[in-house]
N, C-alpha and C. Protein backbone atom coordinates (compact mmCIF):
# COMPACT_ATOMS: atom_id res chain seq x y z
N MET A 1 19.07 -3.65 -25.76
CA MET A 1 18.65 -3.62 -24.37
C MET A 1 17.69 -4.77 -24.01
N ALA A 2 16.74 -4.92 -24.84
CA ALA A 2 15.77 -6.00 -24.56
C ALA A 2 16.31 -7.38 -24.42
N ASP A 3 17.43 -7.59 -25.02
CA ASP A 3 18.20 -8.93 -24.84
C ASP A 3 18.68 -9.20 -23.44
N GLU A 4 18.88 -8.11 -22.77
CA GLU A 4 19.48 -8.26 -21.38
C GLU A 4 18.37 -8.82 -20.38
N PRO A 5 18.61 -9.87 -19.72
CA PRO A 5 17.59 -10.42 -18.88
C PRO A 5 17.04 -9.57 -17.70
N ASP A 6 17.96 -8.84 -17.09
CA ASP A 6 17.47 -7.90 -15.97
C ASP A 6 16.68 -6.81 -16.55
N VAL A 7 17.07 -6.19 -17.72
CA VAL A 7 16.24 -5.12 -18.25
C VAL A 7 14.80 -5.59 -18.66
N ALA A 8 14.92 -6.84 -19.30
CA ALA A 8 13.58 -7.48 -19.55
C ALA A 8 12.66 -7.68 -18.46
N ALA A 9 13.35 -8.13 -17.42
CA ALA A 9 12.49 -8.55 -16.09
C ALA A 9 12.04 -7.20 -15.56
N TRP A 10 12.99 -6.20 -15.49
CA TRP A 10 12.53 -4.79 -15.04
C TRP A 10 11.24 -4.25 -15.78
N ARG A 11 11.34 -4.37 -17.06
CA ARG A 11 10.40 -3.74 -17.81
C ARG A 11 8.99 -4.65 -17.65
N SER A 12 9.12 -5.89 -17.44
CA SER A 12 7.82 -6.72 -17.29
C SER A 12 7.20 -6.35 -15.80
N LEU A 13 8.15 -6.07 -14.85
CA LEU A 13 7.69 -5.64 -13.60
C LEU A 13 6.91 -4.33 -13.68
N LEU A 14 7.51 -3.31 -14.33
CA LEU A 14 6.74 -2.06 -14.62
C LEU A 14 5.50 -2.08 -15.41
N VAL A 15 5.44 -3.07 -16.35
CA VAL A 15 4.32 -3.11 -17.07
C VAL A 15 3.19 -3.87 -16.26
N ALA A 16 3.56 -4.80 -15.50
CA ALA A 16 2.60 -5.45 -14.55
C ALA A 16 2.10 -4.47 -13.58
N TYR A 17 2.92 -3.79 -12.97
CA TYR A 17 2.52 -2.75 -12.06
C TYR A 17 1.56 -1.85 -12.71
N SER A 18 2.08 -1.15 -13.84
CA SER A 18 1.15 -0.15 -14.51
C SER A 18 -0.28 -0.74 -14.84
N ARG A 19 -0.38 -2.02 -15.08
CA ARG A 19 -1.66 -2.54 -15.58
C ARG A 19 -2.49 -3.20 -14.40
N LEU A 20 -1.74 -3.74 -13.27
CA LEU A 20 -2.58 -4.32 -12.38
C LEU A 20 -2.94 -3.36 -11.30
N VAL A 21 -2.26 -2.34 -11.07
CA VAL A 21 -2.83 -1.30 -9.82
C VAL A 21 -4.08 -0.74 -10.42
N PRO A 22 -3.99 -0.22 -11.50
CA PRO A 22 -5.35 0.53 -11.99
C PRO A 22 -6.45 -0.47 -12.09
N ALA A 23 -6.23 -1.68 -12.45
CA ALA A 23 -7.30 -2.77 -12.51
C ALA A 23 -7.74 -3.03 -11.18
N VAL A 24 -6.95 -3.28 -10.14
CA VAL A 24 -7.45 -3.53 -8.81
C VAL A 24 -8.24 -2.23 -8.24
N GLU A 25 -7.67 -1.03 -8.61
CA GLU A 25 -8.21 0.14 -8.25
C GLU A 25 -9.68 0.14 -8.69
N ALA A 26 -9.93 -0.04 -10.00
CA ALA A 26 -11.26 -0.07 -10.73
C ALA A 26 -12.14 -1.08 -10.12
N ASP A 27 -11.58 -2.23 -9.65
CA ASP A 27 -12.49 -3.10 -8.94
C ASP A 27 -12.97 -2.80 -7.62
N LEU A 28 -12.18 -2.10 -6.86
CA LEU A 28 -12.47 -1.54 -5.57
C LEU A 28 -13.51 -0.46 -5.80
N ARG A 29 -13.34 0.45 -6.73
CA ARG A 29 -14.34 1.36 -7.00
C ARG A 29 -15.60 0.84 -7.56
N ALA A 30 -15.64 -0.25 -8.20
CA ALA A 30 -16.87 -0.87 -8.79
C ALA A 30 -17.61 -1.49 -7.63
N ALA A 31 -16.80 -1.83 -6.56
CA ALA A 31 -17.43 -2.66 -5.42
C ALA A 31 -17.89 -1.61 -4.37
N GLY A 32 -17.71 -0.28 -4.71
CA GLY A 32 -18.16 0.79 -3.66
C GLY A 32 -17.11 0.88 -2.60
N GLN A 33 -15.88 0.49 -2.70
CA GLN A 33 -15.04 0.49 -1.65
C GLN A 33 -14.08 1.78 -1.65
N ILE A 34 -13.24 1.85 -0.64
CA ILE A 34 -12.26 2.98 -0.54
C ILE A 34 -11.29 2.70 -1.64
N PRO A 35 -10.63 4.00 -2.08
CA PRO A 35 -9.60 3.79 -3.06
C PRO A 35 -8.37 2.96 -2.54
N LEU A 36 -7.53 2.53 -3.41
CA LEU A 36 -6.47 1.62 -3.05
C LEU A 36 -5.43 2.52 -2.22
N SER A 37 -5.24 3.81 -2.59
CA SER A 37 -4.33 4.59 -1.78
C SER A 37 -4.78 4.75 -0.30
N TRP A 38 -6.08 4.81 -0.17
CA TRP A 38 -6.69 4.99 1.19
C TRP A 38 -6.40 3.57 1.92
N TYR A 39 -6.68 2.50 1.23
CA TYR A 39 -6.50 1.21 1.85
C TYR A 39 -5.02 1.04 2.22
N ASP A 40 -4.13 1.41 1.47
CA ASP A 40 -2.67 1.30 1.78
C ASP A 40 -2.38 2.09 3.07
N VAL A 41 -2.80 3.31 3.02
CA VAL A 41 -2.38 4.13 4.24
C VAL A 41 -3.07 3.68 5.46
N LEU A 42 -4.37 3.32 5.26
CA LEU A 42 -5.07 2.64 6.47
C LEU A 42 -4.50 1.38 7.07
N LEU A 43 -3.90 0.51 6.15
CA LEU A 43 -3.25 -0.72 6.43
C LEU A 43 -1.99 -0.43 7.23
N GLU A 44 -1.26 0.48 6.70
CA GLU A 44 0.06 0.97 7.41
C GLU A 44 -0.23 1.44 8.89
N LEU A 45 -1.38 2.28 8.99
CA LEU A 45 -1.74 2.81 10.26
C LEU A 45 -2.12 1.67 11.28
N ARG A 46 -2.87 0.60 10.62
CA ARG A 46 -3.34 -0.36 11.48
C ARG A 46 -2.12 -1.21 11.97
N ALA A 47 -1.12 -1.44 11.12
CA ALA A 47 0.06 -2.36 11.45
C ALA A 47 0.95 -1.55 12.43
N ALA A 48 0.86 -0.28 12.74
CA ALA A 48 1.82 0.59 13.44
C ALA A 48 1.42 0.35 14.80
N PRO A 49 2.42 0.50 15.70
CA PRO A 49 2.11 0.66 17.15
C PRO A 49 1.19 1.77 17.54
N ASP A 50 0.26 1.43 18.32
CA ASP A 50 -0.85 2.35 18.71
C ASP A 50 -1.66 2.94 17.58
N HIS A 51 -1.47 2.19 16.40
CA HIS A 51 -2.21 2.65 15.13
C HIS A 51 -1.97 3.99 14.75
N ARG A 52 -0.73 4.37 14.98
CA ARG A 52 -0.49 5.75 14.44
C ARG A 52 1.08 5.71 13.94
N LEU A 53 1.39 6.71 13.18
CA LEU A 53 2.58 6.89 12.62
C LEU A 53 2.91 8.47 12.41
N ARG A 54 4.09 8.79 12.52
CA ARG A 54 4.52 10.14 12.01
C ARG A 54 4.23 10.33 10.61
N MET A 55 3.98 11.56 10.19
CA MET A 55 3.73 11.69 8.71
C MET A 55 4.94 11.34 7.96
N SER A 56 6.09 11.67 8.48
CA SER A 56 7.31 11.16 7.73
C SER A 56 7.46 9.63 7.60
N GLU A 57 7.03 8.93 8.57
CA GLU A 57 7.18 7.56 8.66
C GLU A 57 6.18 6.91 7.76
N LEU A 58 5.10 7.56 7.67
CA LEU A 58 3.93 7.01 6.77
C LEU A 58 4.36 7.22 5.37
N GLY A 59 4.95 8.39 5.02
CA GLY A 59 5.30 8.59 3.70
C GLY A 59 6.39 7.62 3.34
N GLU A 60 7.22 7.15 4.17
CA GLU A 60 8.22 6.03 3.80
C GLU A 60 7.60 4.75 3.75
N ARG A 61 6.66 4.35 4.38
CA ARG A 61 6.05 3.09 4.38
C ARG A 61 4.99 2.84 3.41
N ALA A 62 4.17 3.80 3.14
CA ALA A 62 3.13 3.66 2.13
C ALA A 62 3.61 3.53 0.76
N LEU A 63 2.98 2.88 0.07
CA LEU A 63 3.25 2.61 -1.36
C LEU A 63 2.95 3.88 -2.39
N ILE A 64 2.90 4.87 -1.75
CA ILE A 64 2.66 6.06 -2.58
C ILE A 64 3.70 7.27 -2.15
N SER A 65 3.80 8.18 -2.78
CA SER A 65 4.82 9.16 -2.50
C SER A 65 4.49 9.89 -1.15
N ARG A 66 5.46 10.53 -0.48
CA ARG A 66 5.44 11.22 0.70
C ARG A 66 4.30 12.35 0.46
N THR A 67 4.41 13.11 -0.53
CA THR A 67 3.35 14.18 -0.83
C THR A 67 2.09 13.74 -0.90
N ARG A 68 1.89 12.59 -1.66
CA ARG A 68 0.62 12.02 -1.89
C ARG A 68 0.02 11.35 -0.61
N ALA A 69 1.00 10.85 0.23
CA ALA A 69 0.60 10.30 1.72
C ALA A 69 -0.04 11.42 2.47
N SER A 70 0.52 12.52 2.44
CA SER A 70 -0.03 13.72 3.20
C SER A 70 -1.53 14.04 2.62
N ARG A 71 -1.60 14.11 1.37
CA ARG A 71 -2.90 14.42 0.71
C ARG A 71 -3.89 13.34 1.12
N VAL A 72 -3.53 12.06 1.02
CA VAL A 72 -4.40 10.98 1.32
C VAL A 72 -4.87 11.11 2.86
N VAL A 73 -3.89 11.43 3.78
CA VAL A 73 -4.27 11.55 5.20
C VAL A 73 -5.28 12.70 5.29
N ASP A 74 -5.12 13.79 4.61
CA ASP A 74 -6.07 14.78 4.59
C ASP A 74 -7.46 14.35 4.17
N GLU A 75 -7.52 13.40 3.01
CA GLU A 75 -8.70 12.85 2.64
C GLU A 75 -9.38 12.00 3.74
N LEU A 76 -8.49 11.19 4.41
CA LEU A 76 -9.05 10.32 5.28
C LEU A 76 -9.51 10.95 6.46
N VAL A 77 -8.92 12.07 6.88
CA VAL A 77 -9.25 12.94 8.02
C VAL A 77 -10.78 13.50 7.66
N GLY A 78 -10.83 13.92 6.40
CA GLY A 78 -12.13 14.52 5.95
C GLY A 78 -13.30 13.49 6.06
N ALA A 79 -12.86 12.32 5.79
CA ALA A 79 -13.89 11.05 5.73
C ALA A 79 -14.19 10.48 7.11
N GLY A 80 -13.25 11.00 8.08
CA GLY A 80 -13.43 10.35 9.51
C GLY A 80 -12.71 9.12 9.65
N LEU A 81 -11.89 8.67 8.70
CA LEU A 81 -11.14 7.31 8.90
C LEU A 81 -9.78 7.55 9.53
N ALA A 82 -9.31 8.75 9.66
CA ALA A 82 -8.01 8.94 10.37
C ALA A 82 -8.07 10.41 10.97
N GLU A 83 -7.16 10.49 11.86
CA GLU A 83 -6.97 11.93 12.60
C GLU A 83 -5.59 12.28 12.53
N ARG A 84 -5.41 13.66 12.53
CA ARG A 84 -3.98 14.09 12.66
C ARG A 84 -3.68 14.55 14.00
N GLN A 85 -2.69 14.27 14.70
CA GLN A 85 -2.43 14.65 16.09
C GLN A 85 -1.13 15.33 16.10
N PRO A 86 -1.01 16.41 16.75
CA PRO A 86 0.37 17.03 16.86
C PRO A 86 1.25 16.16 17.80
N ASP A 87 2.60 16.23 17.39
CA ASP A 87 3.55 15.56 18.24
C ASP A 87 3.90 16.72 19.33
N VAL A 88 3.74 16.24 20.58
CA VAL A 88 3.90 17.20 21.71
C VAL A 88 5.45 17.47 21.90
N HIS A 89 6.27 16.59 21.39
CA HIS A 89 7.72 16.59 21.54
C HIS A 89 8.44 17.38 20.33
N ASP A 90 7.75 17.42 19.16
CA ASP A 90 8.27 18.11 18.19
C ASP A 90 7.12 18.74 17.46
N ARG A 91 6.99 20.02 17.65
CA ARG A 91 5.84 20.80 17.06
C ARG A 91 5.83 20.99 15.50
N ARG A 92 7.06 20.49 14.90
CA ARG A 92 7.01 20.64 13.39
C ARG A 92 6.48 19.23 12.84
N SER A 93 6.22 18.20 13.73
CA SER A 93 5.83 16.98 13.30
C SER A 93 4.50 16.67 13.74
N SER A 94 3.70 15.71 13.06
CA SER A 94 2.35 15.44 13.45
C SER A 94 2.17 13.89 13.20
N PHE A 95 1.31 13.17 13.85
CA PHE A 95 1.01 11.79 13.68
C PHE A 95 -0.31 11.75 12.92
N ALA A 96 -0.41 10.61 12.07
CA ALA A 96 -1.66 10.19 11.52
C ALA A 96 -2.15 8.95 12.34
N THR A 97 -3.40 9.01 12.79
CA THR A 97 -3.85 7.91 13.61
C THR A 97 -5.07 7.38 13.00
N LEU A 98 -5.23 6.05 13.14
CA LEU A 98 -6.40 5.33 12.69
C LEU A 98 -7.43 5.47 13.56
N THR A 99 -8.70 5.74 13.09
CA THR A 99 -9.96 5.94 13.77
C THR A 99 -10.64 4.54 13.84
N PRO A 100 -11.71 4.32 14.84
CA PRO A 100 -12.47 3.16 14.64
C PRO A 100 -13.26 2.96 13.20
N GLN A 101 -13.60 4.15 12.57
CA GLN A 101 -14.26 4.09 11.41
C GLN A 101 -13.21 3.69 10.39
N GLY A 102 -12.02 4.12 10.47
CA GLY A 102 -11.02 3.73 9.47
C GLY A 102 -10.64 2.19 9.64
N SER A 103 -10.79 1.52 10.74
CA SER A 103 -10.50 0.14 11.01
C SER A 103 -11.80 -0.57 10.26
N GLN A 104 -12.89 -0.09 10.47
CA GLN A 104 -14.17 -0.67 9.78
C GLN A 104 -14.08 -0.57 8.32
N ALA A 105 -13.64 0.44 7.76
CA ALA A 105 -13.54 0.78 6.35
C ALA A 105 -12.59 -0.19 5.70
N LEU A 106 -11.35 -0.45 6.46
CA LEU A 106 -10.46 -1.38 6.09
C LEU A 106 -10.95 -2.84 6.02
N ARG A 107 -11.72 -3.27 7.13
CA ARG A 107 -12.33 -4.52 7.10
C ARG A 107 -13.37 -4.79 6.02
N ARG A 108 -14.12 -3.69 5.79
CA ARG A 108 -15.14 -3.78 4.69
C ARG A 108 -14.57 -3.90 3.22
N ALA A 109 -13.35 -3.19 3.10
CA ALA A 109 -12.87 -3.19 1.79
C ALA A 109 -12.01 -4.62 1.63
N TRP A 110 -11.62 -5.36 2.55
CA TRP A 110 -10.73 -6.45 2.48
C TRP A 110 -11.34 -7.37 1.43
N PRO A 111 -12.61 -7.84 1.58
CA PRO A 111 -13.13 -8.89 0.70
C PRO A 111 -12.95 -8.48 -0.88
N ALA A 112 -13.34 -7.26 -1.13
CA ALA A 112 -13.25 -6.78 -2.46
C ALA A 112 -11.74 -6.65 -2.84
N TYR A 113 -10.84 -6.20 -2.00
CA TYR A 113 -9.43 -6.20 -2.35
C TYR A 113 -9.00 -7.49 -2.61
N ARG A 114 -9.37 -8.52 -1.83
CA ARG A 114 -8.77 -9.97 -1.93
C ARG A 114 -9.29 -10.42 -3.30
N GLN A 115 -10.54 -10.20 -3.57
CA GLN A 115 -11.20 -10.69 -4.75
C GLN A 115 -10.49 -9.99 -6.01
N ALA A 116 -10.09 -8.77 -5.86
CA ALA A 116 -9.48 -8.23 -7.06
C ALA A 116 -8.07 -8.73 -7.29
N ILE A 117 -7.44 -9.08 -6.25
CA ILE A 117 -6.00 -9.55 -6.26
C ILE A 117 -6.19 -10.96 -7.00
N ASP A 118 -7.16 -11.72 -6.56
CA ASP A 118 -7.34 -13.04 -7.11
C ASP A 118 -7.78 -12.93 -8.58
N ARG A 119 -8.69 -12.10 -8.90
CA ARG A 119 -9.21 -11.96 -10.25
C ARG A 119 -8.03 -11.34 -11.35
N ARG A 120 -7.36 -10.39 -10.76
CA ARG A 120 -6.42 -9.68 -11.72
C ARG A 120 -5.10 -10.35 -11.64
N PHE A 121 -4.69 -11.03 -10.71
CA PHE A 121 -3.31 -11.56 -10.41
C PHE A 121 -3.36 -13.05 -10.23
N GLY A 122 -3.88 -13.44 -9.14
CA GLY A 122 -3.69 -14.77 -8.67
C GLY A 122 -4.27 -15.81 -9.56
N SER A 123 -5.41 -15.61 -10.35
CA SER A 123 -6.08 -16.37 -11.13
C SER A 123 -5.16 -16.78 -12.45
N ASN A 124 -4.12 -16.04 -12.61
CA ASN A 124 -3.19 -16.16 -13.91
C ASN A 124 -2.03 -17.07 -13.46
N LEU A 125 -1.78 -17.32 -12.13
CA LEU A 125 -0.63 -17.97 -11.73
C LEU A 125 -1.08 -19.06 -10.56
N THR A 126 -0.20 -20.09 -10.66
CA THR A 126 -0.46 -21.09 -9.51
C THR A 126 0.03 -20.71 -8.21
N ALA A 127 -0.38 -21.37 -7.19
CA ALA A 127 0.09 -21.02 -5.78
C ALA A 127 1.62 -21.05 -5.89
N GLU A 128 2.21 -22.07 -6.35
CA GLU A 128 3.64 -22.26 -6.44
C GLU A 128 4.30 -21.02 -7.17
N GLN A 129 3.77 -20.71 -8.30
CA GLN A 129 4.29 -19.58 -9.09
C GLN A 129 4.26 -18.33 -8.32
N CYS A 130 3.18 -17.98 -7.51
CA CYS A 130 3.10 -16.91 -6.70
C CYS A 130 4.17 -16.83 -5.65
N GLN A 131 4.36 -17.93 -5.00
CA GLN A 131 5.38 -18.13 -4.04
C GLN A 131 6.73 -17.75 -4.60
N ASP A 132 7.07 -18.29 -5.84
CA ASP A 132 8.41 -18.12 -6.45
C ASP A 132 8.49 -16.60 -6.90
N LEU A 133 7.37 -16.07 -7.34
CA LEU A 133 7.50 -14.62 -7.73
C LEU A 133 7.80 -13.90 -6.55
N ALA A 134 6.98 -14.11 -5.38
CA ALA A 134 7.28 -13.30 -4.20
C ALA A 134 8.62 -13.50 -3.68
N ARG A 135 9.24 -14.64 -3.68
CA ARG A 135 10.63 -14.99 -3.25
C ARG A 135 11.57 -14.23 -4.18
N LEU A 136 11.34 -14.19 -5.59
CA LEU A 136 12.26 -13.65 -6.44
C LEU A 136 12.19 -12.01 -6.32
N LEU A 137 11.09 -11.60 -6.08
CA LEU A 137 11.00 -10.10 -5.95
C LEU A 137 11.61 -9.68 -4.67
N ASP A 138 11.45 -10.48 -3.57
CA ASP A 138 12.12 -10.15 -2.34
C ASP A 138 13.55 -10.08 -2.43
N LEU A 139 14.14 -11.22 -3.21
CA LEU A 139 15.45 -11.34 -3.46
C LEU A 139 16.01 -10.10 -4.35
N ALA A 140 15.16 -9.78 -5.25
CA ALA A 140 15.66 -8.60 -6.12
C ALA A 140 15.70 -7.27 -5.36
N THR A 141 14.84 -7.17 -4.38
CA THR A 141 14.91 -5.90 -3.55
C THR A 141 15.53 -5.97 -2.37
N SER A 142 16.34 -7.04 -1.97
CA SER A 142 16.88 -7.22 -0.63
C SER A 142 18.00 -6.26 -0.38
N SER A 143 18.71 -5.90 -1.40
CA SER A 143 19.93 -5.08 -1.03
C SER A 143 19.40 -3.62 -0.92
N ASN A 144 18.16 -3.27 -1.23
CA ASN A 144 17.58 -2.05 -0.98
C ASN A 144 16.77 -1.92 0.29
N GLN A 145 16.57 -3.00 0.99
CA GLN A 145 15.82 -2.92 2.26
C GLN A 145 16.33 -1.97 3.28
N ALA A 146 17.71 -1.76 3.54
CA ALA A 146 18.22 -0.95 4.59
C ALA A 146 17.78 0.54 4.26
N ASP A 147 17.67 0.80 2.93
CA ASP A 147 17.39 2.34 2.66
C ASP A 147 15.81 2.71 2.78
N ILE A 148 14.94 1.71 2.43
CA ILE A 148 13.58 1.89 2.37
C ILE A 148 12.87 1.01 3.36
N PRO A 149 12.18 1.74 4.50
CA PRO A 149 11.33 0.85 5.29
C PRO A 149 10.31 0.14 4.60
N GLY A 150 10.00 -1.11 4.97
CA GLY A 150 9.08 -2.04 4.25
C GLY A 150 7.58 -1.70 4.66
N PRO A 151 6.74 -1.97 3.70
CA PRO A 151 5.34 -1.79 4.10
C PRO A 151 4.68 -2.81 4.97
N ALA A 152 3.64 -2.71 5.57
CA ALA A 152 3.00 -3.60 6.45
C ALA A 152 2.68 -4.90 5.58
N ARG A 153 2.55 -5.97 6.25
CA ARG A 153 2.12 -7.24 5.59
C ARG A 153 0.83 -7.14 4.98
N ARG A 154 0.54 -7.59 3.85
CA ARG A 154 -0.91 -7.36 3.31
C ARG A 154 -1.52 -8.80 3.48
């Protein structure tokens, strides 16, 4: 199986993800910033109309599982970075909403997040290689875009 180019590429993608995400997470923690999962959820909320999303939408957009998204929102609410608001049209549903403190936390975390991306990822590749990789990954996932809503631009 290792001789098959698509299997080798898939394995490399999984290895890269499993190594890079914890490294970026550690860099954020060392810089005293919010966890990467919080950053991801806050970023999605900031990109959403009125800075709010139904919990189901957030679970689809965030780069974490739907169950984890709900737990992260609970953590964000506890920290004052987000709020839960009931959906007046559908009592079974609720919204997660970005607070001003959440926006500030996102802004404060950005420099450390950007530095971690550069240190752990970008410093190993040229700008052209990064563009090629982004294009190739977009191409590889394009047939799945209809099924999975995309995350906010980072």
